[in-house]
Amino acid sequence: MCSPDWSRGSRRAATSVALLAVASIAGCVSGPTDAQLYAAERTATALRAQAWAQYHAVARAASQVRVNGGFEDLGVPTGGELYPCPSPITAPIRPASPGEYSPRQEYVISLTLRGGTDPDDGQVTQLQAAISELELGLRREGFGHFRLDPNDNGYRLAWRGSARVEVSPFSDSPDSPPAGVYVLLVSRCARFDPAALPDLGK
C-alpha cells in the first residue's frame, strides 16, 4: 500500500527536477549572461572605433581632392553595423535564429563621395583622376596600395593595419555617367559569443 504513494512522490520529485532543469536551460538560451554581453560590447566598441578612424582618414583624403573641383559631398555616414566576416557587399546576412549568428564579425561603415558629373554642363569629369588623388591621399594617411577585392571584383581595397577601405565607382542609373565613389570602411574581424549578438546594442 505504501509503494504507490512512494512512487507518486518520487515521480513528482523527478518531474520537478526535470522542469527545473528545462527552465534552467531555457533561461540560458533565452538571453546572454551579463559577462557575455559585456565582452561583446567591449569588442564591438573597439571595432566601431577602428572603422570610424578609417572614416576620418577617408574624409581628410577626400577633402584634399582637387580634380574638377573635387568631390561635391563627403557623405558623412549616420552609423555602421556588424557584419559576418568577410562582410557581404550589399547587406548584412540576417540569421534565421539567434543560434545561427556567426561568431566572427566586423564593423562596416558605408558612405558615398559624390562627384564625377560637372553640375554646370552635365559633362563627365575626370572621376578616375579624382579616385587616383583619393588613393594618394589615403597612402599619406597610412593605407597601402589599392588592389582588387578578392570577394568582389567591383571593389578595390587598401589596408591600414588590420582594417581596410574599399572603393567602387557608381552611377545613378545604367545610362548615366559615373556619379561618384561608393566607400566601405571595414574594421578588423573579431570573435563574439553568438549568444550575445542578438542583444548587442539594444
N, C-alpha and C. Protein backbone atom coordinates (compact mmCIF):
# COMPACT_ATOMS: atom_id res chain seq x y z
N MET A 1 0.83 -1.20 0.00
CA MET A 1 0.00 0.00 0.00
C MET A 1 0.86 1.25 0.00
N CYS A 2 2.04 1.15 0.64
CA CYS A 2 2.90 2.33 0.69
C CYS A 2 3.58 2.57 -0.65
N SER A 3 3.75 1.53 -1.42
CA SER A 3 4.51 1.65 -2.66
C SER A 3 3.93 2.65 -3.64
N PRO A 4 2.57 2.61 -3.92
CA PRO A 4 2.05 3.59 -4.88
C PRO A 4 2.28 5.03 -4.44
N ASP A 5 2.10 5.33 -3.11
CA ASP A 5 2.32 6.70 -2.64
C ASP A 5 3.78 7.11 -2.83
N TRP A 6 4.70 6.18 -2.52
CA TRP A 6 6.13 6.49 -2.67
C TRP A 6 6.45 6.72 -4.14
N SER A 7 5.82 5.88 -4.99
CA SER A 7 6.05 6.00 -6.41
C SER A 7 5.57 7.35 -6.93
N ARG A 8 4.34 7.74 -6.49
CA ARG A 8 3.82 9.04 -6.92
C ARG A 8 4.70 10.17 -6.44
N GLY A 9 5.19 10.06 -5.22
CA GLY A 9 6.07 11.10 -4.67
C GLY A 9 7.37 11.20 -5.43
N SER A 10 7.93 10.04 -5.77
CA SER A 10 9.20 10.09 -6.50
C SER A 10 9.00 10.62 -7.91
N ARG A 11 7.82 10.28 -8.50
CA ARG A 11 7.54 10.83 -9.82
C ARG A 11 7.42 12.34 -9.76
N ARG A 12 6.72 12.82 -8.71
CA ARG A 12 6.59 14.28 -8.55
C ARG A 12 7.96 14.93 -8.41
N ALA A 13 8.81 14.32 -7.62
CA ALA A 13 10.16 14.87 -7.40
C ALA A 13 10.95 14.87 -8.69
N ALA A 14 10.86 13.74 -9.42
CA ALA A 14 11.60 13.66 -10.68
C ALA A 14 11.09 14.69 -11.68
N THR A 15 9.74 14.83 -11.73
CA THR A 15 9.16 15.81 -12.64
C THR A 15 9.60 17.22 -12.28
N SER A 16 9.62 17.53 -10.98
CA SER A 16 10.04 18.86 -10.53
C SER A 16 11.49 19.14 -10.92
N VAL A 17 12.35 18.12 -10.71
CA VAL A 17 13.76 18.28 -11.06
C VAL A 17 13.91 18.50 -12.57
N ALA A 18 13.15 17.71 -13.36
CA ALA A 18 13.21 17.86 -14.82
C ALA A 18 12.75 19.23 -15.27
N LEU A 19 11.65 19.72 -14.66
CA LEU A 19 11.15 21.05 -15.03
C LEU A 19 12.14 22.14 -14.67
N LEU A 20 12.79 21.98 -13.50
CA LEU A 20 13.80 22.96 -13.10
C LEU A 20 14.97 22.96 -14.09
N ALA A 21 15.35 21.75 -14.52
CA ALA A 21 16.45 21.65 -15.48
C ALA A 21 16.08 22.31 -16.80
N VAL A 22 14.85 22.04 -17.27
CA VAL A 22 14.38 22.65 -18.53
C VAL A 22 14.33 24.16 -18.39
N ALA A 23 13.82 24.64 -17.26
CA ALA A 23 13.75 26.09 -17.03
C ALA A 23 15.13 26.70 -17.02
N SER A 24 16.07 25.98 -16.40
CA SER A 24 17.44 26.48 -16.34
C SER A 24 18.05 26.58 -17.73
N ILE A 25 17.84 25.51 -18.54
CA ILE A 25 18.36 25.53 -19.90
C ILE A 25 17.69 26.63 -20.71
N ALA A 26 16.36 26.75 -20.56
CA ALA A 26 15.63 27.78 -21.29
C ALA A 26 16.13 29.16 -20.92
N GLY A 27 16.45 29.33 -19.62
CA GLY A 27 16.96 30.63 -19.18
C GLY A 27 18.28 30.96 -19.85
N CYS A 28 19.14 29.93 -20.03
CA CYS A 28 20.43 30.16 -20.68
C CYS A 28 20.24 30.48 -22.16
N VAL A 29 19.30 29.81 -22.78
CA VAL A 29 19.09 30.00 -24.21
C VAL A 29 18.41 31.33 -24.49
N SER A 30 17.57 31.81 -23.58
CA SER A 30 16.75 32.98 -23.84
C SER A 30 17.56 34.26 -23.93
N GLY A 31 18.72 34.30 -23.34
CA GLY A 31 19.50 35.53 -23.41
C GLY A 31 20.90 35.33 -22.91
N PRO A 32 21.82 36.24 -23.28
CA PRO A 32 23.21 36.12 -22.85
C PRO A 32 23.36 36.50 -21.37
N THR A 33 24.43 36.03 -20.78
CA THR A 33 24.76 36.44 -19.43
C THR A 33 25.33 37.85 -19.47
N ASP A 34 25.41 38.48 -18.31
CA ASP A 34 25.99 39.83 -18.24
C ASP A 34 27.44 39.80 -18.73
N ALA A 35 28.17 38.74 -18.38
CA ALA A 35 29.58 38.64 -18.79
C ALA A 35 29.70 38.52 -20.30
N GLN A 36 28.83 37.71 -20.91
CA GLN A 36 28.86 37.56 -22.37
C GLN A 36 28.56 38.88 -23.06
N LEU A 37 27.54 39.58 -22.56
CA LEU A 37 27.15 40.85 -23.18
C LEU A 37 28.22 41.91 -22.98
N TYR A 38 28.84 41.94 -21.79
CA TYR A 38 29.90 42.91 -21.52
C TYR A 38 31.09 42.69 -22.46
N ALA A 39 31.46 41.43 -22.64
CA ALA A 39 32.59 41.12 -23.53
C ALA A 39 32.26 41.52 -24.97
N ALA A 40 31.03 41.24 -25.40
CA ALA A 40 30.62 41.59 -26.76
C ALA A 40 30.60 43.11 -26.95
N GLU A 41 30.11 43.83 -25.96
CA GLU A 41 30.07 45.30 -26.05
C GLU A 41 31.48 45.88 -26.16
N ARG A 42 32.40 45.34 -25.37
CA ARG A 42 33.79 45.83 -25.43
C ARG A 42 34.40 45.58 -26.80
N THR A 43 34.18 44.39 -27.35
CA THR A 43 34.72 44.08 -28.67
C THR A 43 34.09 44.95 -29.74
N ALA A 44 32.76 45.09 -29.70
CA ALA A 44 32.07 45.91 -30.69
C ALA A 44 32.52 47.37 -30.61
N THR A 45 32.74 47.87 -29.41
CA THR A 45 33.20 49.25 -29.24
C THR A 45 34.57 49.45 -29.89
N ALA A 46 35.46 48.47 -29.73
CA ALA A 46 36.79 48.56 -30.33
C ALA A 46 36.69 48.53 -31.86
N LEU A 47 35.81 47.68 -32.40
CA LEU A 47 35.65 47.61 -33.86
C LEU A 47 35.05 48.89 -34.41
N ARG A 48 34.05 49.45 -33.70
CA ARG A 48 33.46 50.72 -34.12
C ARG A 48 34.52 51.82 -34.18
N ALA A 49 35.35 51.90 -33.14
CA ALA A 49 36.37 52.94 -33.08
C ALA A 49 37.34 52.80 -34.26
N GLN A 50 37.70 51.57 -34.60
CA GLN A 50 38.61 51.36 -35.72
C GLN A 50 37.98 51.79 -37.04
N ALA A 51 36.70 51.42 -37.25
CA ALA A 51 36.03 51.80 -38.50
C ALA A 51 35.86 53.32 -38.59
N TRP A 52 35.53 53.97 -37.48
CA TRP A 52 35.36 55.44 -37.52
C TRP A 52 36.70 56.13 -37.74
N ALA A 53 37.79 55.56 -37.24
CA ALA A 53 39.11 56.13 -37.53
C ALA A 53 39.39 56.04 -39.03
N GLN A 54 38.96 54.92 -39.67
CA GLN A 54 39.10 54.80 -41.12
C GLN A 54 38.29 55.90 -41.82
N TYR A 55 37.07 56.14 -41.33
CA TYR A 55 36.23 57.17 -41.95
C TYR A 55 36.90 58.54 -41.90
N HIS A 56 37.45 58.91 -40.75
CA HIS A 56 38.08 60.22 -40.63
C HIS A 56 39.27 60.35 -41.58
N ALA A 57 40.01 59.24 -41.77
CA ALA A 57 41.12 59.26 -42.72
C ALA A 57 40.61 59.47 -44.14
N VAL A 58 39.54 58.78 -44.51
CA VAL A 58 38.96 58.92 -45.85
C VAL A 58 38.44 60.35 -46.04
N ALA A 59 37.77 60.91 -45.03
CA ALA A 59 37.24 62.27 -45.14
C ALA A 59 38.37 63.28 -45.35
N ARG A 60 39.48 63.09 -44.63
CA ARG A 60 40.61 64.01 -44.81
C ARG A 60 41.18 63.89 -46.23
N ALA A 61 41.34 62.65 -46.69
CA ALA A 61 41.89 62.45 -48.03
C ALA A 61 40.94 62.98 -49.10
N ALA A 62 39.64 62.75 -48.94
CA ALA A 62 38.67 63.20 -49.93
C ALA A 62 38.58 64.72 -49.98
N SER A 63 38.75 65.37 -48.84
CA SER A 63 38.66 66.83 -48.81
C SER A 63 39.82 67.50 -49.53
N GLN A 64 40.91 66.74 -49.78
CA GLN A 64 42.08 67.30 -50.46
C GLN A 64 42.06 67.04 -51.97
N VAL A 65 41.06 66.30 -52.46
CA VAL A 65 40.97 66.03 -53.90
C VAL A 65 40.55 67.30 -54.61
N ARG A 66 41.31 67.70 -55.63
CA ARG A 66 41.03 68.96 -56.32
C ARG A 66 40.68 68.77 -57.80
N VAL A 67 40.78 67.57 -58.33
CA VAL A 67 40.47 67.34 -59.74
C VAL A 67 39.03 67.74 -60.01
N ASN A 68 38.82 68.66 -60.95
CA ASN A 68 37.48 69.13 -61.33
C ASN A 68 36.66 69.58 -60.12
N GLY A 69 37.31 70.23 -59.20
CA GLY A 69 36.60 70.73 -58.03
C GLY A 69 36.45 69.73 -56.90
N GLY A 70 36.98 68.54 -57.08
CA GLY A 70 36.92 67.54 -56.02
C GLY A 70 35.56 66.90 -55.89
N PHE A 71 35.36 66.20 -54.78
CA PHE A 71 34.08 65.57 -54.52
C PHE A 71 33.10 66.59 -53.97
N GLU A 72 31.88 66.57 -54.49
CA GLU A 72 30.88 67.55 -54.09
C GLU A 72 30.35 67.30 -52.68
N ASP A 73 30.35 66.04 -52.26
CA ASP A 73 29.73 65.66 -51.00
C ASP A 73 30.61 64.62 -50.34
N LEU A 74 31.03 64.87 -49.10
CA LEU A 74 31.88 63.92 -48.41
C LEU A 74 31.08 62.80 -47.74
N GLY A 75 29.77 62.82 -47.89
CA GLY A 75 28.96 61.68 -47.50
C GLY A 75 29.10 61.25 -46.06
N VAL A 76 28.89 62.17 -45.12
CA VAL A 76 29.01 61.83 -43.71
C VAL A 76 28.02 60.71 -43.37
N PRO A 77 28.51 59.57 -42.89
CA PRO A 77 27.61 58.45 -42.59
C PRO A 77 26.87 58.68 -41.30
N THR A 78 25.72 58.03 -41.16
CA THR A 78 24.94 58.14 -39.92
C THR A 78 25.30 57.03 -38.95
N GLY A 79 25.99 56.02 -39.38
CA GLY A 79 26.37 54.94 -38.49
C GLY A 79 26.85 53.74 -39.26
N GLY A 80 27.12 52.65 -38.55
CA GLY A 80 27.59 51.43 -39.17
C GLY A 80 26.91 50.23 -38.56
N GLU A 81 27.42 49.05 -38.88
CA GLU A 81 26.77 47.83 -38.42
C GLU A 81 27.76 46.67 -38.42
N LEU A 82 27.52 45.71 -37.53
CA LEU A 82 28.31 44.49 -37.53
C LEU A 82 27.85 43.58 -38.67
N TYR A 83 28.81 42.99 -39.35
CA TYR A 83 28.56 42.06 -40.45
C TYR A 83 29.35 40.78 -40.20
N PRO A 84 28.88 39.66 -40.70
CA PRO A 84 29.71 38.45 -40.63
C PRO A 84 30.98 38.64 -41.46
N CYS A 85 32.07 38.03 -41.05
CA CYS A 85 33.33 38.12 -41.80
C CYS A 85 33.40 37.04 -42.87
N PRO A 86 33.92 37.37 -44.06
CA PRO A 86 34.15 38.74 -44.54
C PRO A 86 32.82 39.38 -44.91
N SER A 87 32.76 40.69 -44.83
CA SER A 87 31.48 41.38 -44.99
C SER A 87 30.89 41.18 -46.37
N PRO A 88 29.58 40.95 -46.43
CA PRO A 88 28.93 40.99 -47.74
C PRO A 88 28.90 42.43 -48.23
N ILE A 89 28.81 42.63 -49.52
CA ILE A 89 28.89 43.98 -50.06
C ILE A 89 27.57 44.73 -49.95
N THR A 90 26.45 44.04 -50.13
CA THR A 90 25.19 44.76 -50.25
C THR A 90 24.43 44.92 -48.94
N ALA A 91 24.35 43.90 -48.12
CA ALA A 91 23.52 43.98 -46.92
C ALA A 91 23.96 42.93 -45.91
N PRO A 92 23.69 43.17 -44.62
CA PRO A 92 24.05 42.17 -43.62
C PRO A 92 23.27 40.87 -43.84
N ILE A 93 23.89 39.76 -43.49
CA ILE A 93 23.19 38.48 -43.52
C ILE A 93 22.47 38.31 -42.19
N ARG A 94 21.15 38.20 -42.23
CA ARG A 94 20.37 38.06 -41.01
C ARG A 94 20.14 36.58 -40.72
N PRO A 95 20.51 36.11 -39.54
CA PRO A 95 20.30 34.70 -39.24
C PRO A 95 18.82 34.39 -39.03
N ALA A 96 18.46 33.14 -39.27
CA ALA A 96 17.07 32.73 -39.07
C ALA A 96 16.74 32.66 -37.59
N SER A 97 17.74 32.41 -36.78
CA SER A 97 17.53 32.35 -35.33
C SER A 97 18.83 32.77 -34.65
N PRO A 98 18.77 33.19 -33.37
CA PRO A 98 19.97 33.68 -32.70
C PRO A 98 21.13 32.68 -32.73
N GLY A 99 20.83 31.39 -32.69
CA GLY A 99 21.89 30.39 -32.70
C GLY A 99 22.67 30.33 -33.99
N GLU A 100 22.16 30.99 -35.04
CA GLU A 100 22.82 30.94 -36.33
C GLU A 100 23.72 32.16 -36.58
N TYR A 101 23.89 33.02 -35.59
CA TYR A 101 24.79 34.15 -35.76
C TYR A 101 26.23 33.65 -35.90
N SER A 102 26.96 34.25 -36.83
CA SER A 102 28.37 33.90 -37.00
C SER A 102 29.17 34.44 -35.82
N PRO A 103 30.08 33.65 -35.27
CA PRO A 103 30.89 34.16 -34.15
C PRO A 103 31.96 35.16 -34.61
N ARG A 104 32.22 35.24 -35.92
CA ARG A 104 33.21 36.18 -36.44
C ARG A 104 32.48 37.35 -37.10
N GLN A 105 32.74 38.56 -36.59
CA GLN A 105 32.04 39.75 -37.05
C GLN A 105 33.05 40.88 -37.27
N GLU A 106 32.68 41.80 -38.17
CA GLU A 106 33.46 43.02 -38.38
C GLU A 106 32.48 44.18 -38.46
N TYR A 107 32.98 45.39 -38.23
CA TYR A 107 32.12 46.57 -38.23
C TYR A 107 32.33 47.31 -39.54
N VAL A 108 31.23 47.64 -40.22
CA VAL A 108 31.30 48.25 -41.55
C VAL A 108 30.52 49.56 -41.58
N ILE A 109 31.15 50.60 -42.09
CA ILE A 109 30.50 51.90 -42.33
C ILE A 109 30.52 52.12 -43.84
N SER A 110 29.41 52.54 -44.38
CA SER A 110 29.37 52.83 -45.82
C SER A 110 29.02 54.30 -46.04
N LEU A 111 29.54 54.86 -47.12
CA LEU A 111 29.22 56.23 -47.48
C LEU A 111 29.48 56.42 -48.97
N THR A 112 28.98 57.50 -49.52
CA THR A 112 29.25 57.83 -50.91
C THR A 112 29.96 59.17 -50.98
N LEU A 113 30.91 59.24 -51.89
CA LEU A 113 31.59 60.50 -52.21
C LEU A 113 31.07 60.91 -53.58
N ARG A 114 30.15 61.87 -53.59
CA ARG A 114 29.54 62.26 -54.87
C ARG A 114 30.48 63.15 -55.66
N GLY A 115 30.50 62.93 -56.96
CA GLY A 115 31.35 63.65 -57.88
C GLY A 115 31.37 62.87 -59.18
N GLY A 116 31.96 63.40 -60.20
CA GLY A 116 32.03 62.68 -61.46
C GLY A 116 31.18 63.31 -62.53
N THR A 117 30.24 64.18 -62.15
CA THR A 117 29.44 64.91 -63.13
C THR A 117 29.54 66.40 -62.82
N ASP A 118 29.91 67.18 -63.81
CA ASP A 118 30.02 68.63 -63.63
C ASP A 118 28.62 69.21 -63.47
N PRO A 119 28.32 69.88 -62.35
CA PRO A 119 26.97 70.40 -62.15
C PRO A 119 26.57 71.49 -63.14
N ASP A 120 27.55 72.14 -63.80
CA ASP A 120 27.22 73.24 -64.71
C ASP A 120 26.80 72.77 -66.10
N ASP A 121 27.55 71.82 -66.67
CA ASP A 121 27.23 71.43 -68.05
C ASP A 121 26.89 69.95 -68.20
N GLY A 122 26.87 69.20 -67.09
CA GLY A 122 26.48 67.81 -67.16
C GLY A 122 27.48 66.90 -67.83
N GLN A 123 28.69 67.41 -68.10
CA GLN A 123 29.70 66.58 -68.75
C GLN A 123 30.43 65.71 -67.73
N VAL A 124 30.89 64.56 -68.20
CA VAL A 124 31.62 63.65 -67.33
C VAL A 124 32.95 64.28 -66.93
N THR A 125 33.24 64.30 -65.67
CA THR A 125 34.51 64.82 -65.21
C THR A 125 35.53 63.69 -65.13
N GLN A 126 36.71 64.01 -64.71
CA GLN A 126 37.79 63.02 -64.64
C GLN A 126 37.68 62.25 -63.32
N LEU A 127 36.68 61.40 -63.23
CA LEU A 127 36.47 60.66 -61.99
C LEU A 127 37.67 59.78 -61.65
N GLN A 128 38.25 59.12 -62.65
CA GLN A 128 39.39 58.26 -62.37
C GLN A 128 40.56 59.06 -61.81
N ALA A 129 40.73 60.29 -62.31
CA ALA A 129 41.79 61.15 -61.76
C ALA A 129 41.49 61.52 -60.31
N ALA A 130 40.20 61.77 -60.03
CA ALA A 130 39.82 62.09 -58.66
C ALA A 130 40.06 60.89 -57.74
N ILE A 131 39.75 59.69 -58.24
CA ILE A 131 39.99 58.48 -57.44
C ILE A 131 41.48 58.30 -57.19
N SER A 132 42.30 58.58 -58.20
CA SER A 132 43.76 58.48 -58.03
C SER A 132 44.25 59.44 -56.96
N GLU A 133 43.70 60.66 -56.97
CA GLU A 133 44.08 61.63 -55.92
C GLU A 133 43.63 61.14 -54.55
N LEU A 134 42.43 60.55 -54.49
CA LEU A 134 41.94 60.00 -53.22
C LEU A 134 42.88 58.91 -52.72
N GLU A 135 43.32 58.04 -53.61
CA GLU A 135 44.22 56.96 -53.22
C GLU A 135 45.56 57.50 -52.73
N LEU A 136 46.07 58.53 -53.40
CA LEU A 136 47.32 59.15 -52.93
C LEU A 136 47.14 59.74 -51.54
N GLY A 137 45.99 60.39 -51.33
CA GLY A 137 45.71 60.94 -50.01
C GLY A 137 45.61 59.86 -48.95
N LEU A 138 45.02 58.73 -49.30
CA LEU A 138 44.90 57.63 -48.34
C LEU A 138 46.26 57.01 -48.04
N ARG A 139 47.16 56.98 -49.01
CA ARG A 139 48.51 56.48 -48.73
C ARG A 139 49.21 57.41 -47.74
N ARG A 140 48.96 58.72 -47.88
CA ARG A 140 49.53 59.65 -46.89
C ARG A 140 48.93 59.41 -45.51
N GLU A 141 47.72 58.86 -45.47
CA GLU A 141 47.07 58.54 -44.20
C GLU A 141 47.50 57.17 -43.65
N GLY A 142 48.39 56.50 -44.34
CA GLY A 142 48.91 55.23 -43.84
C GLY A 142 48.35 53.98 -44.48
N PHE A 143 47.49 54.14 -45.51
CA PHE A 143 46.96 52.97 -46.22
C PHE A 143 47.99 52.47 -47.23
N GLY A 144 47.89 51.18 -47.56
CA GLY A 144 48.73 50.61 -48.59
C GLY A 144 48.13 50.88 -49.97
N HIS A 145 48.70 50.25 -50.99
CA HIS A 145 48.20 50.39 -52.36
C HIS A 145 46.87 49.66 -52.52
N PHE A 146 46.03 50.18 -53.40
CA PHE A 146 44.74 49.54 -53.67
C PHE A 146 44.93 48.34 -54.59
N ARG A 147 44.19 47.28 -54.28
CA ARG A 147 44.17 46.06 -55.08
C ARG A 147 42.73 45.61 -55.24
N LEU A 148 42.48 44.75 -56.22
CA LEU A 148 41.13 44.21 -56.39
C LEU A 148 40.72 43.41 -55.16
N ASP A 149 39.47 43.59 -54.76
CA ASP A 149 38.91 42.83 -53.64
C ASP A 149 38.67 41.39 -54.13
N PRO A 150 39.26 40.40 -53.47
CA PRO A 150 39.06 39.02 -53.93
C PRO A 150 37.63 38.54 -53.77
N ASN A 151 36.84 39.22 -52.91
CA ASN A 151 35.44 38.82 -52.70
C ASN A 151 34.48 39.51 -53.66
N ASP A 152 34.92 40.61 -54.30
CA ASP A 152 34.06 41.33 -55.23
C ASP A 152 34.93 42.16 -56.15
N ASN A 153 35.02 41.76 -57.41
CA ASN A 153 35.90 42.46 -58.35
C ASN A 153 35.47 43.89 -58.65
N GLY A 154 34.26 44.28 -58.25
CA GLY A 154 33.83 45.66 -58.44
C GLY A 154 34.48 46.62 -57.47
N TYR A 155 35.13 46.09 -56.45
CA TYR A 155 35.73 46.93 -55.42
C TYR A 155 37.24 46.81 -55.43
N ARG A 156 37.90 47.90 -55.05
CA ARG A 156 39.33 47.89 -54.82
C ARG A 156 39.56 48.24 -53.36
N LEU A 157 40.44 47.52 -52.72
CA LEU A 157 40.63 47.71 -51.28
C LEU A 157 42.08 48.06 -50.97
N ALA A 158 42.25 48.77 -49.86
CA ALA A 158 43.57 49.09 -49.32
C ALA A 158 43.53 48.88 -47.81
N TRP A 159 44.60 48.36 -47.28
CA TRP A 159 44.66 48.03 -45.86
C TRP A 159 45.45 49.09 -45.09
N ARG A 160 45.04 49.31 -43.86
CA ARG A 160 45.83 50.09 -42.90
C ARG A 160 45.77 49.32 -41.59
N GLY A 161 46.87 48.66 -41.26
CA GLY A 161 46.85 47.77 -40.11
C GLY A 161 45.92 46.59 -40.39
N SER A 162 45.02 46.32 -39.45
CA SER A 162 44.11 45.18 -39.61
C SER A 162 42.75 45.59 -40.17
N ALA A 163 42.62 46.85 -40.60
CA ALA A 163 41.35 47.33 -41.15
C ALA A 163 41.57 47.76 -42.60
N ARG A 164 40.47 48.00 -43.31
CA ARG A 164 40.61 48.32 -44.72
C ARG A 164 39.54 49.31 -45.17
N VAL A 165 39.79 49.89 -46.35
CA VAL A 165 38.81 50.73 -47.03
C VAL A 165 38.61 50.13 -48.42
N GLU A 166 37.36 50.11 -48.89
CA GLU A 166 37.04 49.58 -50.21
C GLU A 166 36.30 50.66 -51.00
N VAL A 167 36.65 50.83 -52.26
CA VAL A 167 36.02 51.85 -53.09
C VAL A 167 35.53 51.24 -54.41
N SER A 168 34.44 51.79 -54.91
CA SER A 168 33.88 51.36 -56.19
C SER A 168 33.11 52.52 -56.81
N PRO A 169 33.37 52.86 -58.09
CA PRO A 169 32.58 53.91 -58.74
C PRO A 169 31.12 53.48 -58.87
N PHE A 170 30.20 54.43 -58.84
CA PHE A 170 28.79 54.11 -59.02
C PHE A 170 28.16 55.12 -59.96
N SER A 171 27.04 54.71 -60.58
CA SER A 171 26.24 55.59 -61.43
C SER A 171 24.82 55.63 -60.87
N ASP A 172 24.13 56.72 -61.11
CA ASP A 172 22.75 56.84 -60.64
C ASP A 172 21.79 55.96 -61.44
N SER A 173 22.17 55.63 -62.66
CA SER A 173 21.38 54.73 -63.50
C SER A 173 22.31 54.10 -64.52
N PRO A 174 21.90 52.98 -65.12
CA PRO A 174 22.80 52.31 -66.08
C PRO A 174 23.23 53.19 -67.25
N ASP A 175 22.41 54.14 -67.62
CA ASP A 175 22.74 55.01 -68.77
C ASP A 175 23.44 56.30 -68.37
N SER A 176 23.65 56.50 -67.07
CA SER A 176 24.26 57.74 -66.58
C SER A 176 25.76 57.59 -66.44
N PRO A 177 26.50 58.70 -66.54
CA PRO A 177 27.94 58.64 -66.28
C PRO A 177 28.19 58.38 -64.80
N PRO A 178 29.38 57.98 -64.42
CA PRO A 178 29.70 57.76 -63.00
C PRO A 178 29.36 58.99 -62.18
N ALA A 179 28.71 58.76 -61.05
CA ALA A 179 28.28 59.88 -60.20
C ALA A 179 29.13 60.04 -58.95
N GLY A 180 30.10 59.15 -58.76
CA GLY A 180 30.94 59.25 -57.58
C GLY A 180 31.50 57.90 -57.18
N VAL A 181 31.89 57.83 -55.92
CA VAL A 181 32.54 56.63 -55.39
C VAL A 181 31.77 56.14 -54.17
N TYR A 182 31.49 54.84 -54.17
CA TYR A 182 30.89 54.19 -53.00
C TYR A 182 32.04 53.64 -52.16
N VAL A 183 32.00 53.88 -50.85
CA VAL A 183 33.10 53.53 -49.97
C VAL A 183 32.61 52.65 -48.83
N LEU A 184 33.35 51.59 -48.55
CA LEU A 184 33.13 50.76 -47.37
C LEU A 184 34.34 50.91 -46.46
N LEU A 185 34.09 51.17 -45.19
CA LEU A 185 35.15 51.28 -44.18
C LEU A 185 34.97 50.09 -43.25
N VAL A 186 35.95 49.22 -43.21
CA VAL A 186 35.78 47.92 -42.57
C VAL A 186 36.82 47.73 -41.48
N SER A 187 36.35 47.38 -40.28
CA SER A 187 37.25 47.12 -39.16
C SER A 187 37.90 45.74 -39.31
N ARG A 188 38.75 45.40 -38.39
CA ARG A 188 39.27 44.04 -38.33
C ARG A 188 38.14 43.07 -38.01
N CYS A 189 38.40 41.82 -38.16
CA CYS A 189 37.44 40.77 -37.84
C CYS A 189 37.71 40.30 -36.41
N ALA A 190 36.66 40.11 -35.63
CA ALA A 190 36.82 39.69 -34.23
C ALA A 190 35.83 38.60 -33.88
N ARG A 191 36.13 37.87 -32.83
CA ARG A 191 35.26 36.78 -32.39
C ARG A 191 34.28 37.30 -31.34
N PHE A 192 33.04 36.84 -31.45
CA PHE A 192 31.98 37.16 -30.49
C PHE A 192 31.35 35.87 -30.00
N ASP A 193 30.78 35.93 -28.81
CA ASP A 193 29.92 34.84 -28.37
C ASP A 193 28.60 35.01 -29.11
N PRO A 194 28.21 34.05 -29.95
CA PRO A 194 26.95 34.23 -30.73
C PRO A 194 25.74 34.51 -29.86
N ALA A 195 25.74 34.04 -28.60
CA ALA A 195 24.61 34.26 -27.72
C ALA A 195 24.39 35.74 -27.44
N ALA A 196 25.46 36.54 -27.49
CA ALA A 196 25.35 37.97 -27.16
C ALA A 196 24.97 38.82 -28.35
N LEU A 197 25.13 38.32 -29.56
CA LEU A 197 24.92 39.16 -30.75
C LEU A 197 23.48 39.64 -30.92
N PRO A 198 22.45 38.80 -30.66
CA PRO A 198 21.08 39.32 -30.85
C PRO A 198 20.76 40.52 -29.95
N ASP A 199 21.36 40.56 -28.76
CA ASP A 199 21.06 41.63 -27.81
C ASP A 199 22.05 42.79 -27.86
N LEU A 200 23.07 42.67 -28.68
CA LEU A 200 24.10 43.70 -28.72
C LEU A 200 23.55 45.00 -29.26
N GLY A 201 23.74 46.07 -28.52
CA GLY A 201 23.29 47.38 -28.96
C GLY A 201 21.84 47.68 -28.70
N LYS A 202 21.12 46.77 -28.07
CA LYS A 202 19.70 47.04 -27.80
C LYS A 202 19.55 47.87 -26.54
